[in-house]
């Protein structure tokens, strides 16, 4: 890597930081203006809002805006080089567009790798604070409503399924505890009409429970117990989670949660699966938008850099809009969740390849 590459990298990175910082301020101001009444009505102090909530919200903003910020940085720098005829001078001296792409690829790969780690392990931790704050202080936040059709992993190979959970009473209805062996064969099952949390004992109390054990030869042993106390590793707060909580799970935690849902035979888990696969797919938007930015902005336009940035914003928002438009198809099962998460990136990777092939070398 020569001096020119390092110079381009330095300018791209400084532009990236500038646009990320600008977007953070923009998002926070808009969000605060929209929700200030909710903060005031529900008793949130300014200290809590600005020293707890928004600092915890910043990583989520960085996650969402990093592709746009990196794209704008690339478009701005490339457009500036094009408008000042530096690109033409470089190409005239034998530097091809593909050679110029090298520092862009370096920063694209570096930011993509960093954001994969950041999105998968850092953002979930801060999102847990954000979700708890929104539940308490924002009207549109996930409130303490009852939850239906819940599946949680007790231990590896052991699933707890609940038909209905009352968060306030800490009571579950239509409960099933299932245990699987290493071959995913159901070996035992406990069904109960009701399960209550006994805080003094820190146990769950099953009412009218039926215990079944399934032998490899097909025999089934069954007995009924009127009351059974069991110490699960799943607590009331775990049952109170909603589909949004996959956002507050690290990638390993989300993988375990998804595996538990699949083992339990849960239905309507499309939203959770899409959220899980998006954790892997979304960081690649950084690299793909870098590949689009260079050929898109390397052509001089009549409107100058303003036209370059406007076209860049239009392209980036089309990319992000396609991601949001495809998600409902994954939620409903019309598209496989993995395809839903990766389809927009595949489409715009095709756009990037097309632009690179068509660009003036």
Foldseek 3Di string as FASTA:
>chain_A
DDPVLVVLLVQLVVQLVVLLVVQLVVVVVVVCVVCVVLCVVLPPDPCCVPVQQSVLCSLVSCLVCSLVSSLLSLLLVLLVCQVVCVVVVCVVVPQDLVNVCVSLLVVLVVQLVVSLCSQQPVSLQSVVSNLVVCQRRPPPGDHQQKDAFDWDAQDVQKIKTFGIARLVQRKTAFIKIWGADPVLHTFKMKTAGMWGQDVVVQWIKGAFIKIWGADPVGDIDIDTDGIDTDRTPQGSVNNSDDLVSLSNHHLVRLVVGVVRCVSVVGPQCLSSLLSNLLSVQSSSSNSLSSLQSNLQSNHHDPVRSVVSSVVSVVVVVVLVVQLVVLSVCSSVVVDPSNCSNHVSVVVSSVVSVVSVVPGDD
